[in-house]
Amino acid sequence: MRALTILSLSAAALALAACATAGSGRDSTYLSALDRLAADCQARGGILASNGSNTGRPEVDNHCRMTTATRTPG
């Protein structure tokens, strides 16, 4: 009986540890894409801003708000 209790506690601890690390690769992919978008936006004279959606795709969840005045001759 003691072995069964130890085995079940070990299995529960392993499952909990697996849940705690799940998605870490996805988060770093999202953050690297977000950093790339922010750098591209800043290079064009804007600031990357959230549009309120949460799809998990940074190119959909954010937009580049232009902060420098640009004028087209015409």
C-alpha atoms as a PDB file:
ATOM      1  CA  MET A   1       0.000   0.000   0.000  1.00  0.00           C
ATOM      2  CA  ARG A   2       2.846   2.374   0.817  1.00  0.00           C
ATOM      3  CA  ALA A   3       4.453   1.712  -2.569  1.00  0.00           C
ATOM      4  CA  LEU A   4       1.164   2.546  -4.331  1.00  0.00           C
ATOM      5  CA  THR A   5       0.923   5.865  -2.477  1.00  0.00           C
ATOM      6  CA  ILE A   6       4.515   6.789  -3.315  1.00  0.00           C
ATOM      7  CA  LEU A   7       4.002   5.802  -6.944  1.00  0.00           C
ATOM      8  CA  SER A   8       0.834   7.875  -7.294  1.00  0.00           C
ATOM      9  CA  LEU A   9       2.449  10.909  -5.648  1.00  0.00           C
ATOM     10  CA  SER A  10       5.439  10.587  -7.966  1.00  0.00           C
ATOM     11  CA  ALA A  11       3.164  10.388 -11.000  1.00  0.00           C
ATOM     12  CA  ALA A  12       1.226  13.462  -9.835  1.00  0.00           C
ATOM     13  CA  ALA A  13       4.443  15.432  -9.309  1.00  0.00           C
ATOM     14  CA  LEU A  14       5.682  14.459 -12.770  1.00  0.00           C
ATOM     15  CA  ALA A  15       2.398  15.488 -14.381  1.00  0.00           C
ATOM     16  CA  LEU A  16       2.457  18.818 -12.568  1.00  0.00           C
ATOM     17  CA  ALA A  17       6.014  19.495 -13.689  1.00  0.00           C
ATOM     18  CA  ALA A  18       5.073  18.717 -17.292  1.00  0.00           C
ATOM     19  CA  CYS A  19       2.201  21.192 -17.160  1.00  0.00           C
ATOM     20  CA  ALA A  20       4.427  23.903 -15.734  1.00  0.00           C
ATOM     21  CA  THR A  21       6.849  23.747 -18.662  1.00  0.00           C
ATOM     22  CA  ALA A  22       4.299  23.249 -21.451  1.00  0.00           C
ATOM     23  CA  GLY A  23       4.155  26.083 -23.948  1.00  0.00           C
ATOM     24  CA  SER A  24       7.505  27.645 -23.105  1.00  0.00           C
ATOM     25  CA  GLY A  25       8.711  27.166 -26.684  1.00  0.00           C
ATOM     26  CA  ARG A  26       5.550  28.703 -28.040  1.00  0.00           C
ATOM     27  CA  ASP A  27       5.948  31.729 -25.753  1.00  0.00           C
ATOM     28  CA  SER A  28       9.493  32.346 -26.915  1.00  0.00           C
ATOM     29  CA  THR A  29       8.364  32.072 -30.548  1.00  0.00           C
ATOM     30  CA  TYR A  30       5.593  34.605 -29.909  1.00  0.00           C
ATOM     31  CA  LEU A  31       7.979  36.969 -28.134  1.00  0.00           C
ATOM     32  CA  SER A  32      10.621  36.762 -30.856  1.00  0.00           C
ATOM     33  CA  ALA A  33       7.984  37.501 -33.514  1.00  0.00           C
ATOM     34  CA  LEU A  34       6.687  40.382 -31.392  1.00  0.00           C
ATOM     35  CA  ASP A  35      10.219  41.790 -31.039  1.00  0.00           C
ATOM     36  CA  ARG A  36      10.735  41.552 -34.805  1.00  0.00           C
ATOM     37  CA  LEU A  37       7.439  43.362 -35.475  1.00  0.00           C
ATOM     38  CA  ALA A  38       8.296  46.084 -32.954  1.00  0.00           C
ATOM     39  CA  ALA A  39      11.713  46.630 -34.561  1.00  0.00           C
ATOM     40  CA  ASP A  40      10.188  46.801 -38.062  1.00  0.00           C
ATOM     41  CA  CYS A  41       7.544  49.237 -36.858  1.00  0.00           C
ATOM     42  CA  GLN A  42      10.085  51.438 -35.082  1.00  0.00           C
ATOM     43  CA  ALA A  43      12.269  51.491 -38.202  1.00  0.00           C
ATOM     44  CA  ARG A  44       9.300  52.947 -40.096  1.00  0.00           C
ATOM     45  CA  GLY A  45       8.779  55.631 -37.437  1.00  0.00           C
ATOM     46  CA  GLY A  46       5.968  54.022 -35.478  1.00  0.00           C
ATOM     47  CA  ILE A  47       5.162  52.314 -32.220  1.00  0.00           C
ATOM     48  CA  LEU A  48       3.767  48.787 -32.026  1.00  0.00           C
ATOM     49  CA  ALA A  49       0.413  48.889 -30.226  1.00  0.00           C
ATOM     50  CA  SER A  50      -2.037  46.188 -29.201  1.00  0.00           C
ATOM     51  CA  ASN A  51      -5.389  46.202 -30.944  1.00  0.00           C
ATOM     52  CA  GLY A  52      -7.152  44.300 -28.150  1.00  0.00           C
ATOM     53  CA  SER A  53      -7.398  40.882 -29.777  1.00  0.00           C
ATOM     54  CA  ASN A  54      -5.681  37.804 -28.374  1.00  0.00           C
ATOM     55  CA  THR A  55      -5.262  35.265 -31.152  1.00  0.00           C
ATOM     56  CA  GLY A  56      -1.747  34.146 -30.258  1.00  0.00           C
ATOM     57  CA  ARG A  57      -0.400  35.629 -33.487  1.00  0.00           C
ATOM     58  CA  PRO A  58       1.471  38.906 -32.888  1.00  0.00           C
ATOM     59  CA  GLU A  59       0.952  40.098 -36.461  1.00  0.00           C
ATOM     60  CA  VAL A  60      -2.819  39.960 -35.886  1.00  0.00           C
ATOM     61  CA  ASP A  61      -2.871  41.116 -32.249  1.00  0.00           C
ATOM     62  CA  ASN A  62      -0.879  44.327 -32.857  1.00  0.00           C
ATOM     63  CA  HIS A  63      -0.653  47.190 -35.302  1.00  0.00           C
ATOM     64  CA  CYS A  64       1.965  49.801 -36.088  1.00  0.00           C
ATOM     65  CA  ARG A  65       0.817  53.237 -34.926  1.00  0.00           C
ATOM     66  CA  MET A  66       2.682  55.856 -36.901  1.00  0.00           C
ATOM     67  CA  THR A  67       4.126  58.617 -34.712  1.00  0.00           C
ATOM     68  CA  THR A  68       6.029  60.658 -37.265  1.00  0.00           C
ATOM     69  CA  ALA A  69       4.196  62.884 -39.668  1.00  0.00           C
ATOM     70  CA  THR A  70       4.721  61.815 -43.234  1.00  0.00           C
ATOM     71  CA  ARG A  71       3.411  63.722 -46.151  1.00  0.00           C
ATOM     72  CA  THR A  72       3.124  62.672 -49.736  1.00  0.00           C
ATOM     73  CA  PRO A  73       3.709  65.451 -52.201  1.00  0.00           C
ATOM     74  CA  GLY A  74       0.796  66.133 -54.392  1.00  0.00           C
END
